[in-house]
Amino acid sequence: MNNYFTKTEKIRFKHIDYAGIVFYPRFLEMLNDLVEDWFEEALERPFSKMHETNGIPTVDLKVQFKNAARIGEILTKSLWVKELKNSSIICGFQFINQQEKTVLEGEVTLVNVAILEDRQSIKTEAFNEEMKNKILNYIQS
């Protein structure tokens, strides 16, 4: 299948620090935006609807910062599935600049959870077959 979910993002003033490069927490926000877009656009499970009864929290995150990104640059952000488990997904991701240099790469583990009626507790919940099939469209070996 070998599909990647890909979006571009322009580095804006809001992303940079005093040194003129992206402040590292902004990369994590960009990653979360990529995950949110993937769920809405590719998996047809928008966060606005999902979060009425469920969630998909990040439980593990590994990031390597490879090169700086500066204001005005366009990054290509890609996400793919490395492993699909019963109620979790391990995704790889990579951000590349216009010079084809990797700016950021890593791995994120997301867990499918149900939000209990009291809205105070969560529990893991298996993906249904339809969702598993959509996720499998993005698996990489």
Foldseek 3Di string as FASTA:
>chain_A
DADKQKDKDAAAPVQDDPVQWGDVVVVVVVVVVSVQCCCCPQLVHHPVNQVVWKDKDWDDWDKDFDATHGHGWMKMKIKFFADDDFFKTKIKIWIATPVRDTGMIIIIMIGIWTQDPVNPDIDGDGDDPSSVVSRVVRYDD
